[in-house]
Amino acid sequence: MPDISPTAVIALIAEHHIVESDGPLTPDSDLFAQGLDSLAMMQLMLHLEREFGVRITPTEMTRNHFATATILARWLSHPNRSAA
């Protein structure tokens, strides 16, 4: 299982312009308040799968899992998640 950091998630979001934030994203920034919507969430999922070799099922794509970079990184790095 890859060790995915909040910083790596933020870098991916910034690199691919997933959200357009007025200020810098922090590990605890609310991604939905920063503009993450369903389309952006799908784009982020595809980049996460490609970059980190994880598989995210449609049922796992919830607001709870994608709330912040910290929560997302912790969830994706959890040992009980299966890799792609």
PDB file of N, CA and C in Angstrom:
ATOM      1  N   MET A   1       0.854  -1.181   0.000  1.00  0.00           N
ATOM      2  CA  MET A   1       0.000   0.000   0.000  1.00  0.00           C
ATOM      3  C   MET A   1       0.896   1.239   0.000  1.00  0.00           C
ATOM      4  N   PRO A   2       0.654   2.161  -0.924  1.00  0.00           N
ATOM      5  CA  PRO A   2       1.493   3.358  -0.968  1.00  0.00           C
ATOM      6  C   PRO A   2       1.261   4.257   0.241  1.00  0.00           C
ATOM      7  N   ASP A   3       2.315   4.950   0.642  1.00  0.00           N
ATOM      8  CA  ASP A   3       2.193   5.936   1.715  1.00  0.00           C
ATOM      9  C   ASP A   3       1.927   7.277   1.043  1.00  0.00           C
ATOM     10  N   ILE A   4       0.693   7.729   1.104  1.00  0.00           N
ATOM     11  CA  ILE A   4       0.270   8.951   0.429  1.00  0.00           C
ATOM     12  C   ILE A   4       0.143  10.054   1.472  1.00  0.00           C
ATOM     13  N   SER A   5       0.845  11.144   1.251  1.00  0.00           N
ATOM     14  CA  SER A   5       0.816  12.247   2.213  1.00  0.00           C
ATOM     15  C   SER A   5      -0.191  13.314   1.781  1.00  0.00           C
ATOM     16  N   PRO A   6      -0.686  14.098   2.733  1.00  0.00           N
ATOM     17  CA  PRO A   6      -1.540  15.230   2.377  1.00  0.00           C
ATOM     18  C   PRO A   6      -0.840  16.191   1.409  1.00  0.00           C
ATOM     19  N   THR A   7       0.463  16.378   1.592  1.00  0.00           N
ATOM     20  CA  THR A   7       1.228  17.250   0.708  1.00  0.00           C
ATOM     21  C   THR A   7       1.216  16.728  -0.727  1.00  0.00           C
ATOM     22  N   ALA A   8       1.313  15.419  -0.894  1.00  0.00           N
ATOM     23  CA  ALA A   8       1.268  14.822  -2.229  1.00  0.00           C
ATOM     24  C   ALA A   8      -0.105  15.001  -2.863  1.00  0.00           C
ATOM     25  N   VAL A   9      -1.158  14.892  -2.060  1.00  0.00           N
ATOM     26  CA  VAL A   9      -2.523  15.101  -2.565  1.00  0.00           C
ATOM     27  C   VAL A   9      -2.689  16.558  -3.007  1.00  0.00           C
ATOM     28  N   ILE A  10      -2.218  17.498  -2.197  1.00  0.00           N
ATOM     29  CA  ILE A  10      -2.312  18.915  -2.544  1.00  0.00           C
ATOM     30  C   ILE A  10      -1.528  19.205  -3.819  1.00  0.00           C
ATOM     31  N   ALA A  11      -0.343  18.629  -3.936  1.00  0.00           N
ATOM     32  CA  ALA A  11       0.474  18.844  -5.136  1.00  0.00           C
ATOM     33  C   ALA A  11      -0.256  18.343  -6.376  1.00  0.00           C
ATOM     34  N   LEU A  12      -0.916  17.210  -6.274  1.00  0.00           N
ATOM     35  CA  LEU A  12      -1.672  16.653  -7.395  1.00  0.00           C
ATOM     36  C   LEU A  12      -2.848  17.556  -7.762  1.00  0.00           C
ATOM     37  N   ILE A  13      -3.540  18.049  -6.761  1.00  0.00           N
ATOM     38  CA  ILE A  13      -4.667  18.968  -6.986  1.00  0.00           C
ATOM     39  C   ILE A  13      -4.183  20.234  -7.691  1.00  0.00           C
ATOM     40  N   ALA A  14      -3.067  20.773  -7.235  1.00  0.00           N
ATOM     41  CA  ALA A  14      -2.527  22.003  -7.825  1.00  0.00           C
ATOM     42  C   ALA A  14      -2.006  21.755  -9.241  1.00  0.00           C
ATOM     43  N   GLU A  15      -1.276  20.672  -9.416  1.00  0.00           N
ATOM     44  CA  GLU A  15      -0.681  20.366 -10.724  1.00  0.00           C
ATOM     45  C   GLU A  15      -1.730  20.233 -11.814  1.00  0.00           C
ATOM     46  N   HIS A  16      -2.860  19.634 -11.480  1.00  0.00           N
ATOM     47  CA  HIS A  16      -3.902  19.372 -12.471  1.00  0.00           C
ATOM     48  C   HIS A  16      -5.064  20.369 -12.383  1.00  0.00           C
ATOM     49  N   HIS A  17      -4.895  21.412 -11.567  1.00  0.00           N
ATOM     50  CA  HIS A  17      -5.906  22.482 -11.450  1.00  0.00           C
ATOM     51  C   HIS A  17      -7.297  21.906 -11.152  1.00  0.00           C
ATOM     52  N   ILE A  18      -7.337  21.009 -10.169  1.00  0.00           N
ATOM     53  CA  ILE A  18      -8.598  20.359  -9.790  1.00  0.00           C
ATOM     54  C   ILE A  18      -9.547  21.372  -9.153  1.00  0.00           C
ATOM     55  N   VAL A  19      -9.036  22.233  -8.294  1.00  0.00           N
ATOM     56  CA  VAL A  19      -9.831  23.321  -7.729  1.00  0.00           C
ATOM     57  C   VAL A  19      -9.042  24.613  -7.898  1.00  0.00           C
ATOM     58  N   GLU A  20      -9.751  25.698  -8.020  1.00  0.00           N
ATOM     59  CA  GLU A  20      -9.133  27.019  -8.135  1.00  0.00           C
ATOM     60  C   GLU A  20      -9.383  27.753  -6.821  1.00  0.00           C
ATOM     61  N   SER A  21      -8.414  27.710  -5.947  1.00  0.00           N
ATOM     62  CA  SER A  21      -8.541  28.302  -4.622  1.00  0.00           C
ATOM     63  C   SER A  21      -8.016  29.731  -4.618  1.00  0.00           C
ATOM     64  N   ASP A  22      -8.654  30.589  -3.830  1.00  0.00           N
ATOM     65  CA  ASP A  22      -8.189  31.970  -3.688  1.00  0.00           C
ATOM     66  C   ASP A  22      -6.866  32.036  -2.925  1.00  0.00           C
ATOM     67  N   GLY A  23      -6.679  31.114  -2.021  1.00  0.00           N
ATOM     68  CA  GLY A  23      -5.457  31.075  -1.227  1.00  0.00           C
ATOM     69  C   GLY A  23      -4.816  29.711  -1.339  1.00  0.00           C
ATOM     70  N   PRO A  24      -3.716  29.524  -0.635  1.00  0.00           N
ATOM     71  CA  PRO A  24      -3.050  28.224  -0.694  1.00  0.00           C
ATOM     72  C   PRO A  24      -3.887  27.145  -0.004  1.00  0.00           C
ATOM     73  N   LEU A  25      -3.868  25.953  -0.583  1.00  0.00           N
ATOM     74  CA  LEU A  25      -4.530  24.811   0.055  1.00  0.00           C
ATOM     75  C   LEU A  25      -3.648  24.312   1.188  1.00  0.00           C
ATOM     76  N   THR A  26      -4.261  23.963   2.282  1.00  0.00           N
ATOM     77  CA  THR A  26      -3.550  23.362   3.405  1.00  0.00           C
ATOM     78  C   THR A  26      -4.061  21.931   3.557  1.00  0.00           C
ATOM     79  N   PRO A  27      -3.370  21.111   4.329  1.00  0.00           N
ATOM     80  CA  PRO A  27      -3.840  19.736   4.523  1.00  0.00           C
ATOM     81  C   PRO A  27      -5.264  19.660   5.069  1.00  0.00           C
ATOM     82  N   ASP A  28      -5.692  20.690   5.809  1.00  0.00           N
ATOM     83  CA  ASP A  28      -7.021  20.660   6.416  1.00  0.00           C
ATOM     84  C   ASP A  28      -8.032  21.581   5.739  1.00  0.00           C
ATOM     85  N   SER A  29      -7.698  22.105   4.556  1.00  0.00           N
ATOM     86  CA  SER A  29      -8.660  22.919   3.794  1.00  0.00           C
ATOM     87  C   SER A  29      -9.831  22.043   3.369  1.00  0.00           C
ATOM     88  N   ASP A  30     -11.025  22.576   3.512  1.00  0.00           N
ATOM     89  CA  ASP A  30     -12.222  21.883   3.051  1.00  0.00           C
ATOM     90  C   ASP A  30     -12.213  21.933   1.523  1.00  0.00           C
ATOM     91  N   LEU A  31     -11.998  20.784   0.888  1.00  0.00           N
ATOM     92  CA  LEU A  31     -11.874  20.748  -0.571  1.00  0.00           C
ATOM     93  C   LEU A  31     -13.176  21.143  -1.260  1.00  0.00           C
ATOM     94  N   PHE A  32     -14.298  20.841  -0.650  1.00  0.00           N
ATOM     95  CA  PHE A  32     -15.587  21.200  -1.255  1.00  0.00           C
ATOM     96  C   PHE A  32     -15.816  22.711  -1.166  1.00  0.00           C
ATOM     97  N   ALA A  33     -15.387  23.330  -0.082  1.00  0.00           N
ATOM     98  CA  ALA A  33     -15.489  24.784   0.039  1.00  0.00           C
ATOM     99  C   ALA A  33     -14.546  25.474  -0.944  1.00  0.00           C
ATOM    100  N   GLN A  34     -13.492  24.763  -1.361  1.00  0.00           N
ATOM    101  CA  GLN A  34     -12.539  25.309  -2.319  1.00  0.00           C
ATOM    102  C   GLN A  34     -12.965  25.074  -3.766  1.00  0.00           C
ATOM    103  N   GLY A  35     -14.111  24.412  -3.964  1.00  0.00           N
ATOM    104  CA  GLY A  35     -14.627  24.236  -5.320  1.00  0.00           C
ATOM    105  C   GLY A  35     -14.671  22.816  -5.833  1.00  0.00           C
ATOM    106  N   LEU A  36     -14.325  21.843  -4.998  1.00  0.00           N
ATOM    107  CA  LEU A  36     -14.408  20.449  -5.442  1.00  0.00           C
ATOM    108  C   LEU A  36     -15.878  20.086  -5.624  1.00  0.00           C
ATOM    109  N   ASP A  37     -16.239  19.721  -6.846  1.00  0.00           N
ATOM    110  CA  ASP A  37     -17.596  19.272  -7.132  1.00  0.00           C
ATOM    111  C   ASP A  37     -17.505  17.857  -7.707  1.00  0.00           C
ATOM    112  N   SER A  38     -18.621  17.307  -8.170  1.00  0.00           N
ATOM    113  CA  SER A  38     -18.621  15.918  -8.623  1.00  0.00           C
ATOM    114  C   SER A  38     -17.684  15.696  -9.810  1.00  0.00           C
ATOM    115  N   LEU A  39     -17.631  16.634 -10.741  1.00  0.00           N
ATOM    116  CA  LEU A  39     -16.741  16.495 -11.896  1.00  0.00           C
ATOM    117  C   LEU A  39     -15.277  16.572 -11.458  1.00  0.00           C
ATOM    118  N   ALA A  40     -14.963  17.523 -10.602  1.00  0.00           N
ATOM    119  CA  ALA A  40     -13.599  17.658 -10.099  1.00  0.00           C
ATOM    120  C   ALA A  40     -13.207  16.442  -9.263  1.00  0.00           C
ATOM    121  N   MET A  41     -14.161  15.879  -8.532  1.00  0.00           N
ATOM    122  CA  MET A  41     -13.887  14.692  -7.734  1.00  0.00           C
ATOM    123  C   MET A  41     -13.519  13.515  -8.644  1.00  0.00           C
ATOM    124  N   MET A  42     -14.215  13.381  -9.773  1.00  0.00           N
ATOM    125  CA  MET A  42     -13.898  12.319 -10.740  1.00  0.00           C
ATOM    126  C   MET A  42     -12.494  12.530 -11.319  1.00  0.00           C
ATOM    127  N   GLN A  43     -12.170  13.771 -11.655  1.00  0.00           N
ATOM    128  CA  GLN A  43     -10.837  14.069 -12.183  1.00  0.00           C
ATOM    129  C   GLN A  43      -9.768  13.735 -11.145  1.00  0.00           C
ATOM    130  N   LEU A  44     -10.014  14.135  -9.908  1.00  0.00           N
ATOM    131  CA  LEU A  44      -9.063  13.852  -8.835  1.00  0.00           C
ATOM    132  C   LEU A  44      -8.910  12.351  -8.649  1.00  0.00           C
ATOM    133  N   MET A  45     -10.004  11.612  -8.674  1.00  0.00           N
ATOM    134  CA  MET A  45      -9.949  10.159  -8.525  1.00  0.00           C
ATOM    135  C   MET A  45      -9.051   9.546  -9.599  1.00  0.00           C
ATOM    136  N   LEU A  46      -9.224   9.953 -10.857  1.00  0.00           N
ATOM    137  CA  LEU A  46      -8.420   9.407 -11.949  1.00  0.00           C
ATOM    138  C   LEU A  46      -6.937   9.700 -11.754  1.00  0.00           C
ATOM    139  N   HIS A  47      -6.607  10.918 -11.327  1.00  0.00           N
ATOM    140  CA  HIS A  47      -5.205  11.277 -11.089  1.00  0.00           C
ATOM    141  C   HIS A  47      -4.632  10.513  -9.900  1.00  0.00           C
ATOM    142  N   LEU A  48      -5.422  10.338  -8.850  1.00  0.00           N
ATOM    143  CA  LEU A  48      -4.962   9.576  -7.688  1.00  0.00           C
ATOM    144  C   LEU A  48      -4.683   8.130  -8.071  1.00  0.00           C
ATOM    145  N   GLU A  49      -5.581   7.540  -8.838  1.00  0.00           N
ATOM    146  CA  GLU A  49      -5.391   6.145  -9.266  1.00  0.00           C
ATOM    147  C   GLU A  49      -4.125   6.011 -10.111  1.00  0.00           C
ATOM    148  N   ARG A  50      -3.928   6.923 -11.034  1.00  0.00           N
ATOM    149  CA  ARG A  50      -2.767   6.858 -11.921  1.00  0.00           C
ATOM    150  C   ARG A  50      -1.472   7.131 -11.158  1.00  0.00           C
ATOM    151  N   GLU A  51      -1.476   8.145 -10.323  1.00  0.00           N
ATOM    152  CA  GLU A  51      -0.255   8.558  -9.625  1.00  0.00           C
ATOM    153  C   GLU A  51       0.175   7.576  -8.533  1.00  0.00           C
ATOM    154  N   PHE A  52      -0.789   7.065  -7.774  1.00  0.00           N
ATOM    155  CA  PHE A  52      -0.455   6.271  -6.596  1.00  0.00           C
ATOM    156  C   PHE A  52      -0.789   4.789  -6.718  1.00  0.00           C
ATOM    157  N   GLY A  53      -1.364   4.376  -7.844  1.00  0.00           N
ATOM    158  CA  GLY A  53      -1.660   2.954  -8.036  1.00  0.00           C
ATOM    159  C   GLY A  53      -2.747   2.432  -7.118  1.00  0.00           C
ATOM    160  N   VAL A  54      -3.672   3.290  -6.746  1.00  0.00           N
ATOM    161  CA  VAL A  54      -4.796   2.869  -5.905  1.00  0.00           C
ATOM    162  C   VAL A  54      -6.019   2.689  -6.787  1.00  0.00           C
ATOM    163  N   ARG A  55      -6.977   1.968  -6.297  1.00  0.00           N
ATOM    164  CA  ARG A  55      -8.255   1.813  -6.995  1.00  0.00           C
ATOM    165  C   ARG A  55      -9.331   2.385  -6.096  1.00  0.00           C
ATOM    166  N   ILE A  56     -10.155   3.258  -6.650  1.00  0.00           N
ATOM    167  CA  ILE A  56     -11.249   3.880  -5.900  1.00  0.00           C
ATOM    168  C   ILE A  56     -12.545   3.501  -6.596  1.00  0.00           C
ATOM    169  N   THR A  57     -13.404   2.802  -5.871  1.00  0.00           N
ATOM    170  CA  THR A  57     -14.670   2.374  -6.451  1.00  0.00           C
ATOM    171  C   THR A  57     -15.688   3.507  -6.365  1.00  0.00           C
ATOM    172  N   PRO A  58     -16.728   3.458  -7.193  1.00  0.00           N
ATOM    173  CA  PRO A  58     -17.762   4.501  -7.122  1.00  0.00           C
ATOM    174  C   PRO A  58     -18.392   4.640  -5.737  1.00  0.00           C
ATOM    175  N   THR A  59     -18.557   3.535  -5.032  1.00  0.00           N
ATOM    176  CA  THR A  59     -19.170   3.619  -3.704  1.00  0.00           C
ATOM    177  C   THR A  59     -18.249   4.263  -2.677  1.00  0.00           C
ATOM    178  N   GLU A  60     -16.945   4.315  -2.960  1.00  0.00           N
ATOM    179  CA  GLU A  60     -15.991   4.948  -2.044  1.00  0.00           C
ATOM    180  C   GLU A  60     -15.863   6.452  -2.276  1.00  0.00           C
ATOM    181  N   MET A  61     -16.436   6.941  -3.342  1.00  0.00           N
ATOM    182  CA  MET A  61     -16.331   8.365  -3.671  1.00  0.00           C
ATOM    183  C   MET A  61     -17.384   9.151  -2.897  1.00  0.00           C
ATOM    184  N   THR A  62     -17.040   9.435  -1.649  1.00  0.00           N
ATOM    185  CA  THR A  62     -17.961  10.141  -0.767  1.00  0.00           C
ATOM    186  C   THR A  62     -17.343  11.449  -0.287  1.00  0.00           C
ATOM    187  N   ARG A  63     -18.202  12.336   0.161  1.00  0.00           N
ATOM    188  CA  ARG A  63     -17.738  13.600   0.750  1.00  0.00           C
ATOM    189  C   ARG A  63     -16.830  13.338   1.943  1.00  0.00           C
ATOM    190  N   ASN A  64     -17.143  12.312   2.703  1.00  0.00           N
ATOM    191  CA  ASN A  64     -16.325  12.002   3.875  1.00  0.00           C
ATOM    192  C   ASN A  64     -14.890  11.646   3.485  1.00  0.00           C
ATOM    193  N   HIS A  65     -14.701  10.860   2.430  1.00  0.00           N
ATOM    194  CA  HIS A  65     -13.362  10.448   2.010  1.00  0.00           C
ATOM    195  C   HIS A  65     -12.588  11.583   1.338  1.00  0.00           C
ATOM    196  N   PHE A  66     -13.273  12.505   0.666  1.00  0.00           N
ATOM    197  CA  PHE A  66     -12.631  13.564  -0.105  1.00  0.00           C
ATOM    198  C   PHE A  66     -12.722  14.934   0.580  1.00  0.00           C
ATOM    199  N   ALA A  67     -13.033  14.971   1.859  1.00  0.00           N
ATOM    200  CA  ALA A  67     -13.270  16.241   2.568  1.00  0.00           C
ATOM    201  C   ALA A  67     -12.038  17.145   2.607  1.00  0.00           C
ATOM    202  N   THR A  68     -10.893  16.600   2.980  1.00  0.00           N
ATOM    203  CA  THR A  68      -9.641  17.360   3.061  1.00  0.00           C
ATOM    204  C   THR A  68      -8.513  16.495   2.516  1.00  0.00           C
ATOM    205  N   ALA A  69      -7.377  17.111   2.238  1.00  0.00           N
ATOM    206  CA  ALA A  69      -6.210  16.346   1.773  1.00  0.00           C
ATOM    207  C   ALA A  69      -5.739  15.376   2.857  1.00  0.00           C
ATOM    208  N   THR A  70      -5.821  15.779   4.107  1.00  0.00           N
ATOM    209  CA  THR A  70      -5.410  14.902   5.210  1.00  0.00           C
ATOM    210  C   THR A  70      -6.296  13.664   5.288  1.00  0.00           C
ATOM    211  N   ILE A  71      -7.599  13.876   5.249  1.00  0.00           N
ATOM    212  CA  ILE A  71      -8.531  12.753   5.329  1.00  0.00           C
ATOM    213  C   ILE A  71      -8.365  11.833   4.122  1.00  0.00           C
ATOM    214  N   LEU A  72      -8.229  12.415   2.943  1.00  0.00           N
ATOM    215  CA  LEU A  72      -8.079  11.637   1.726  1.00  0.00           C
ATOM    216  C   LEU A  72      -6.791  10.814   1.753  1.00  0.00           C
ATOM    217  N   ALA A  73      -5.690  11.425   2.136  1.00  0.00           N
ATOM    218  CA  ALA A  73      -4.410  10.718   2.200  1.00  0.00           C
ATOM    219  C   ALA A  73      -4.446   9.597   3.237  1.00  0.00           C
ATOM    220  N   ARG A  74      -5.024   9.881   4.387  1.00  0.00           N
ATOM    221  CA  ARG A  74      -5.111   8.869   5.447  1.00  0.00           C
ATOM    222  C   ARG A  74      -5.957   7.687   4.988  1.00  0.00           C
ATOM    223  N   TRP A  75      -7.080   7.977   4.347  1.00  0.00           N
ATOM    224  CA  TRP A  75      -7.972   6.925   3.865  1.00  0.00           C
ATOM    225  C   TRP A  75      -7.291   6.092   2.777  1.00  0.00           C
ATOM    226  N   LEU A  76      -6.648   6.749   1.816  1.00  0.00           N
ATOM    227  CA  LEU A  76      -5.996   6.019   0.727  1.00  0.00           C
ATOM    228  C   LEU A  76      -4.814   5.189   1.210  1.00  0.00           C
ATOM    229  N   SER A  77      -4.154   5.625   2.279  1.00  0.00           N
ATOM    230  CA  SER A  77      -2.993   4.900   2.812  1.00  0.00           C
ATOM    231  C   SER A  77      -3.360   3.819   3.816  1.00  0.00           C
ATOM    232  N   HIS A  78      -4.628   3.734   4.154  1.00  0.00           N
ATOM    233  CA  HIS A  78      -5.059   2.773   5.178  1.00  0.00           C
ATOM    234  C   HIS A  78      -4.715   1.343   4.724  1.00  0.00           C
ATOM    235  N   PRO A  79      -4.149   0.547   5.618  1.00  0.00           N
ATOM    236  CA  PRO A  79      -3.733  -0.813   5.236  1.00  0.00           C
ATOM    237  C   PRO A  79      -4.890  -1.737   4.822  1.00  0.00           C
ATOM    238  N   ASN A  80      -6.106  -1.436   5.204  1.00  0.00           N
ATOM    239  CA  ASN A  80      -7.218  -2.304   4.824  1.00  0.00           C
ATOM    240  C   ASN A  80      -7.784  -1.980   3.445  1.00  0.00           C
ATOM    241  N   ARG A  81      -7.251  -0.954   2.788  1.00  0.00           N
ATOM    242  CA  ARG A  81      -7.676  -0.647   1.422  1.00  0.00           C
ATOM    243  C   ARG A  81      -6.886  -1.541   0.483  1.00  0.00           C
ATOM    244  N   SER A  82      -7.493  -1.925  -0.619  1.00  0.00           N
ATOM    245  CA  SER A  82      -6.781  -2.751  -1.582  1.00  0.00           C
ATOM    246  C   SER A  82      -6.166  -1.867  -2.662  1.00  0.00           C
ATOM    247  N   ALA A  83      -4.981  -2.210  -3.115  1.00  0.00           N
ATOM    248  CA  ALA A  83      -4.321  -1.483  -4.193  1.00  0.00           C
ATOM    249  C   ALA A  83      -4.915  -1.919  -5.528  1.00  0.00           C
ATOM    250  N   ALA A  84      -4.603  -1.160  -6.565  1.00  0.00           N
ATOM    251  CA  ALA A  84      -5.108  -1.491  -7.900  1.00  0.00           C
ATOM    252  C   ALA A  84      -4.482  -2.770  -8.413  1.00  0.00           C
TER     253      ALA A  84
END
